[in-house]
Structures are given as structure tokens and as C-alpha cells.
Protein backbone atom coordinates (compact mmCIF):
# COMPACT_ATOMS: atom_id res chain seq x y z
CA MET A 1 90.99 104.93 111.95
CA THR A 2 90.92 106.34 115.35
CA GLY A 3 87.75 106.17 117.24
CA LEU A 4 85.69 104.34 114.46
CA GLN A 5 86.09 100.78 113.65
CA ARG A 6 85.17 99.52 110.16
CA ALA A 7 82.55 97.16 109.49
CA GLY A 8 83.38 93.49 109.27
CA THR A 9 86.52 94.30 111.59
CA PRO A 10 86.77 92.81 115.15
CA GLY A 11 85.38 95.13 117.60
CA GLY A 12 83.52 96.91 114.78
CA GLY A 13 80.26 96.62 113.14
CA SER A 14 78.23 99.40 114.71
CA ARG A 15 79.18 102.69 112.62
CA GLN A 16 81.34 103.45 109.96
CA GLY A 17 83.53 106.75 109.50
CA LYS A 18 84.72 108.81 106.18
CA LYS A 19 88.79 108.63 105.92
CA GLY A 20 89.04 112.08 105.10
CA ASP A 21 87.72 115.08 106.91
CA TYR A 22 88.40 119.31 106.87
CA GLY A 23 88.03 121.68 109.42
CA TYR A 24 89.67 124.64 111.47
CA GLU A 25 92.36 124.87 114.14
CA VAL A 26 92.67 127.61 116.81
CA GLY A 27 95.47 127.75 119.37
CA ALA A 28 97.71 129.85 121.56
CA GLY A 29 101.31 129.34 123.20
CA PHE A 30 104.11 130.88 124.94
CA GLU A 31 107.73 130.70 124.85
CA PHE A 32 109.78 130.98 128.16
CA TYR A 33 113.45 131.47 127.56
CA PHE A 34 115.75 129.83 129.92
CA GLN A 35 119.32 129.87 130.23
CA SER A 36 119.98 126.64 128.58
CA PHE A 37 116.50 125.72 126.77
CA ILE A 38 113.17 127.18 125.66
CA PHE A 39 110.21 125.93 126.96
CA ALA A 40 107.07 126.54 124.90
CA PRO A 41 103.55 125.15 125.78
CA GLU A 42 100.97 125.33 123.38
CA PHE A 43 97.19 124.86 123.50
CA LYS A 44 95.00 124.02 120.45
CA ILE A 45 91.37 123.35 119.57
CA SER A 46 90.47 121.88 116.30
CA ASN A 47 87.04 121.18 114.82
CA GLY A 48 85.84 119.21 111.88
CA LEU A 49 83.18 120.93 109.57
CA GLY A 50 82.22 117.95 107.45
CA ASP A 51 80.10 115.09 108.46
CA VAL A 52 82.31 112.03 108.84
CA HIS A 53 79.33 109.56 109.48
CA VAL A 54 78.91 106.89 106.70
CA ARG A 55 75.18 105.78 106.99
CA ASP A 56 74.64 101.94 106.16
CA GLN A 57 71.07 100.30 106.66
CA ASN A 58 73.05 97.15 107.47
CA LEU A 59 74.65 98.22 110.76
CA ARG A 60 72.83 98.33 113.94
CA TYR A 61 73.26 101.85 115.23
CA SER A 62 73.94 103.90 112.13
CA ASN A 63 70.89 105.22 111.53
CA ASN A 64 70.35 106.54 115.25
CA MET A 65 73.22 109.37 114.72
CA GLY A 66 72.09 112.56 112.85
CA GLU A 67 75.92 113.46 112.35
CA LEU A 68 79.06 112.87 113.34
CA LYS A 69 81.89 115.41 113.71
CA SER A 70 85.64 115.29 114.73
CA ARG A 71 86.89 117.57 117.54
CA MET A 72 90.09 117.61 119.34
CA ILE A 73 91.62 119.35 122.10
CA VAL A 74 95.53 119.43 122.28
CA PHE A 75 98.09 120.46 124.86
CA SER A 76 101.65 120.13 123.61
CA ILE A 77 105.13 121.00 125.12
CA HIS A 78 107.99 121.82 122.71
CA LEU A 79 111.49 122.04 124.24
CA GLU A 80 114.37 123.55 122.31
CA GLY A 81 118.13 123.44 123.29
């Protein structure tokens, strides 16, 4: 899992996360046409709608968080030749 470590693994043990998530993604991009290739930058924002936090009484900081949602900002460049 990215960002969250499973309990019992090295570097983990303070919180757990669910494997699956659902959400929405919004983005915008442009295409610039050059003589020999196409340059297309794109900007996207993703927000998770579900709570991915798994509460566990045995973990130290598990009960301190109310909820944990995934968020991501992506900037990508596409080149076509």
C-alpha cells in the first residue's frame, strides 16, 4: 500500500488502511501540435469518497483519527510522435 504500512511490517504498526477505494477524478488538458510531435500536458485532481481507515484497538494512533480519505494531484505530460 502506498502511504500506509500494514501492522506488523517494518516501519508500520501505527495505522492500517483498506485496500480498495472509490472516488472521482476531474482534469483538464491541452494539445499543442508541433511539426514533428504532439505535446499534451494534463492536470488531474482525484478525491476518494470512502473512509480507508481501519480502526484497531491494538494500534497506538489508530483511534486518534476520525477518518482517512485519499487525495491526489497529478500533472502528466503526453508526447506523441
